[in-house]
C-alpha atoms as a PDB file:
ATOM      1  CA  THR A   1      46.335   9.324 -50.024  1.00  0.00           C
ATOM      2  CA  GLY A   2      45.480  12.123 -52.499  1.00  0.00           C
ATOM      3  CA  ASN A   3      46.410  15.679 -52.212  1.00  0.00           C
ATOM      4  CA  CYS A   4      45.337  19.356 -51.090  1.00  0.00           C
ATOM      5  CA  THR A   5      43.446  21.113 -54.723  1.00  0.00           C
ATOM      6  CA  LYS A   6      42.267  24.544 -55.191  1.00  0.00           C
ATOM      7  CA  ARG A   7      38.033  24.167 -54.969  1.00  0.00           C
ATOM      8  CA  CYS A   8      36.079  24.400 -58.079  1.00  0.00           C
ATOM      9  CA  ASP A   9      34.457  27.615 -57.463  1.00  0.00           C
ATOM     10  CA  LEU A  10      37.844  29.178 -57.626  1.00  0.00           C
ATOM     11  CA  LEU A  11      38.842  26.892 -60.163  1.00  0.00           C
ATOM     12  CA  TYR A  12      36.335  27.775 -62.671  1.00  0.00           C
ATOM     13  CA  HIS A  13      33.744  30.132 -63.284  1.00  0.00           C
ATOM     14  CA  SER A  14      32.138  28.660 -66.669  1.00  0.00           C
ATOM     15  CA  GLN A  15      30.370  25.818 -67.611  1.00  0.00           C
ATOM     16  CA  ILE A  16      31.827  24.307 -69.811  1.00  0.00           C
ATOM     17  CA  SER A  17      35.405  24.641 -67.920  1.00  0.00           C
ATOM     18  CA  CYS A  18      33.616  23.167 -64.824  1.00  0.00           C
ATOM     19  CA  GLU A  19      31.777  19.812 -66.021  1.00  0.00           C
ATOM     20  CA  LEU A  20      35.498  19.126 -68.312  1.00  0.00           C
ATOM     21  CA  ASP A  21      36.679  18.764 -64.613  1.00  0.00           C
ATOM     22  CA  LEU A  22      34.939  15.006 -63.767  1.00  0.00           C
ATOM     23  CA  ALA A  23      35.806  16.525 -60.287  1.00  0.00           C
ATOM     24  CA  CYS A  24      33.393  19.344 -60.181  1.00  0.00           C
ATOM     25  CA  ALA A  25      29.862  20.103 -61.456  1.00  0.00           C
ATOM     26  CA  TRP A  26      28.595  22.973 -62.754  1.00  0.00           C
ATOM     27  CA  ASP A  27      25.441  24.161 -60.370  1.00  0.00           C
ATOM     28  CA  GLU A  28      22.526  25.508 -63.012  1.00  0.00           C
ATOM     29  CA  VAL A  29      20.628  27.519 -60.091  1.00  0.00           C
ATOM     30  CA  THR A  30      24.060  29.243 -57.985  1.00  0.00           C
ATOM     31  CA  HIS A  31      25.403  29.375 -61.185  1.00  0.00           C
ATOM     32  CA  ILE A  32      28.920  27.946 -59.182  1.00  0.00           C
ATOM     33  CA  CYS A  33      30.806  25.206 -60.230  1.00  0.00           C
ATOM     34  CA  ARG A  34      30.642  22.689 -57.285  1.00  0.00           C
ATOM     35  CA  ARG A  35      32.346  19.598 -56.058  1.00  0.00           C
ATOM     36  CA  ASN A  36      31.027  17.165 -57.835  1.00  0.00           C
ATOM     37  CA  CYS A  37      28.274  15.213 -55.066  1.00  0.00           C
ATOM     38  CA  THR A  38      29.844  12.351 -55.461  1.00  0.00           C
ATOM     39  CA  TYR A  39      33.282  12.879 -53.411  1.00  0.00           C
ATOM     40  CA  TYR A  40      30.693  13.916 -50.403  1.00  0.00           C
ATOM     41  CA  SER A  41      30.946  11.028 -47.646  1.00  0.00           C
ATOM     42  CA  ALA A  42      28.730  12.982 -44.774  1.00  0.00           C
ATOM     43  CA  GLU A  43      25.196  13.917 -44.462  1.00  0.00           C
ATOM     44  CA  ASN A  44      25.961  17.536 -43.459  1.00  0.00           C
ATOM     45  CA  ASP A  45      28.771  18.063 -46.414  1.00  0.00           C
ATOM     46  CA  CYS A  46      26.578  17.165 -49.169  1.00  0.00           C
ATOM     47  CA  GLU A  47      23.009  18.356 -47.819  1.00  0.00           C
ATOM     48  CA  GLN A  48      24.909  22.345 -47.881  1.00  0.00           C
ATOM     49  CA  PHE A  49      24.194  21.921 -51.423  1.00  0.00           C
ATOM     50  CA  SER A  50      21.184  21.201 -51.488  1.00  0.00           C
ATOM     51  CA  THR A  51      20.480  23.023 -55.089  1.00  0.00           C
ATOM     52  CA  LEU A  52      22.941  20.119 -56.475  1.00  0.00           C
ATOM     53  CA  CYS A  53      23.446  17.290 -54.168  1.00  0.00           C
ATOM     54  CA  THR A  54      21.141  15.117 -51.943  1.00  0.00           C
ATOM     55  CA  TRP A  55      21.642  12.499 -49.409  1.00  0.00           C
ATOM     56  CA  VAL A  56      20.694   9.538 -50.536  1.00  0.00           C
ATOM     57  CA  ASP A  57      18.744   7.493 -47.126  1.00  0.00           C
ATOM     58  CA  PRO A  58      19.151   3.875 -45.947  1.00  0.00           C
ATOM     59  CA  LEU A  59      16.529   1.616 -47.136  1.00  0.00           C
ATOM     60  CA  GLN A  60      13.476   1.081 -44.797  1.00  0.00           C
ATOM     61  CA  PRO A  61      12.116  -2.249 -44.333  1.00  0.00           C
ATOM     62  CA  ASN A  62      10.395  -3.626 -47.350  1.00  0.00           C
ATOM     63  CA  GLU A  63      10.950  -0.752 -49.223  1.00  0.00           C
ATOM     64  CA  VAL A  64      12.239  -1.284 -53.249  1.00  0.00           C
ATOM     65  CA  ARG A  65      13.920   0.813 -55.090  1.00  0.00           C
ATOM     66  CA  THR A  66      15.409   1.030 -59.137  1.00  0.00           C
ATOM     67  CA  SER A  67      17.257   3.492 -58.544  1.00  0.00           C
ATOM     68  CA  PRO A  68      20.870   3.733 -59.593  1.00  0.00           C
ATOM     69  CA  THR A  69      22.316   5.621 -56.290  1.00  0.00           C
ATOM     70  CA  THR A  70      23.809   3.361 -53.231  1.00  0.00           C
ATOM     71  CA  PRO A  71      21.935   4.057 -49.901  1.00  0.00           C
ATOM     72  CA  ASN A  72      23.825   6.745 -47.436  1.00  0.00           C
ATOM     73  CA  THR A  73      25.851   8.685 -49.873  1.00  0.00           C
ATOM     74  CA  CYS A  74      25.899  11.666 -51.610  1.00  0.00           C
ATOM     75  CA  ASN A  75      24.250  11.972 -54.836  1.00  0.00           C
ATOM     76  CA  PHE A  76      22.964  14.566 -57.551  1.00  0.00           C
ATOM     77  CA  VAL A  77      19.294  15.570 -57.337  1.00  0.00           C
ATOM     78  CA  CYS A  78      16.857  14.810 -59.594  1.00  0.00           C
ATOM     79  CA  ALA A  79      17.166  17.012 -61.955  1.00  0.00           C
ATOM     80  CA  TYR A  80      20.781  16.984 -62.642  1.00  0.00           C
ATOM     81  CA  ARG A  81      20.927  12.862 -62.672  1.00  0.00           C
ATOM     82  CA  TYR A  82      18.599  12.817 -65.021  1.00  0.00           C
ATOM     83  CA  ARG A  83      18.882  16.312 -66.631  1.00  0.00           C
ATOM     84  CA  ASN A  84      17.256  15.127 -70.384  1.00  0.00           C
ATOM     85  CA  ASN A  85      16.558  11.447 -69.135  1.00  0.00           C
ATOM     86  CA  GLN A  86      12.524  10.513 -68.565  1.00  0.00           C
ATOM     87  CA  GLU A  87      13.050   7.871 -69.180  1.00  0.00           C
ATOM     88  CA  GLY A  88      15.472   6.963 -66.587  1.00  0.00           C
ATOM     89  CA  CYS A  89      14.062   9.264 -64.274  1.00  0.00           C
ATOM     90  CA  ASN A  90      10.666   7.057 -64.611  1.00  0.00           C
ATOM     91  CA  GLU A  91      12.379   4.439 -63.516  1.00  0.00           C
ATOM     92  CA  ASP A  92      14.029   5.597 -60.343  1.00  0.00           C
ATOM     93  CA  THR A  93      11.624   5.616 -57.943  1.00  0.00           C
ATOM     94  CA  LEU A  94      13.280   8.040 -56.475  1.00  0.00           C
ATOM     95  CA  CYS A  95      12.146  10.352 -58.815  1.00  0.00           C
ATOM     96  CA  MET A  96       9.176  11.477 -60.850  1.00  0.00           C
ATOM     97  CA  TRP A  97       9.265  13.871 -64.736  1.00  0.00           C
ATOM     98  CA  ASP A  98       8.339  17.276 -64.429  1.00  0.00           C
ATOM     99  CA  VAL A  99       6.474  17.860 -67.057  1.00  0.00           C
ATOM    100  CA  SER A 100       5.807  21.839 -65.838  1.00  0.00           C
ATOM    101  CA  ASN A 101       9.235  22.579 -66.524  1.00  0.00           C
END
């Protein structure tokens, strides 16, 4: 199911309009509206937008994670997942809060 629609980078040219569309996300590094990372189902598609998205690897044996991400999925990089949320960032074992930024 679904339909063919115009790409986010062609639809929106500002952060405000981009972020109003749940299917899109604003890349603050490139200043381009991109497809929401969670829509990518293949690692190669996900990683082509590495300033915004990251592939969540499967759990390794004996690995424990406290992350809201699901293994083998595309998600936002930590900086976007926890923009101003130090507590949430610190609770996620895949991320760490950087006090220098």
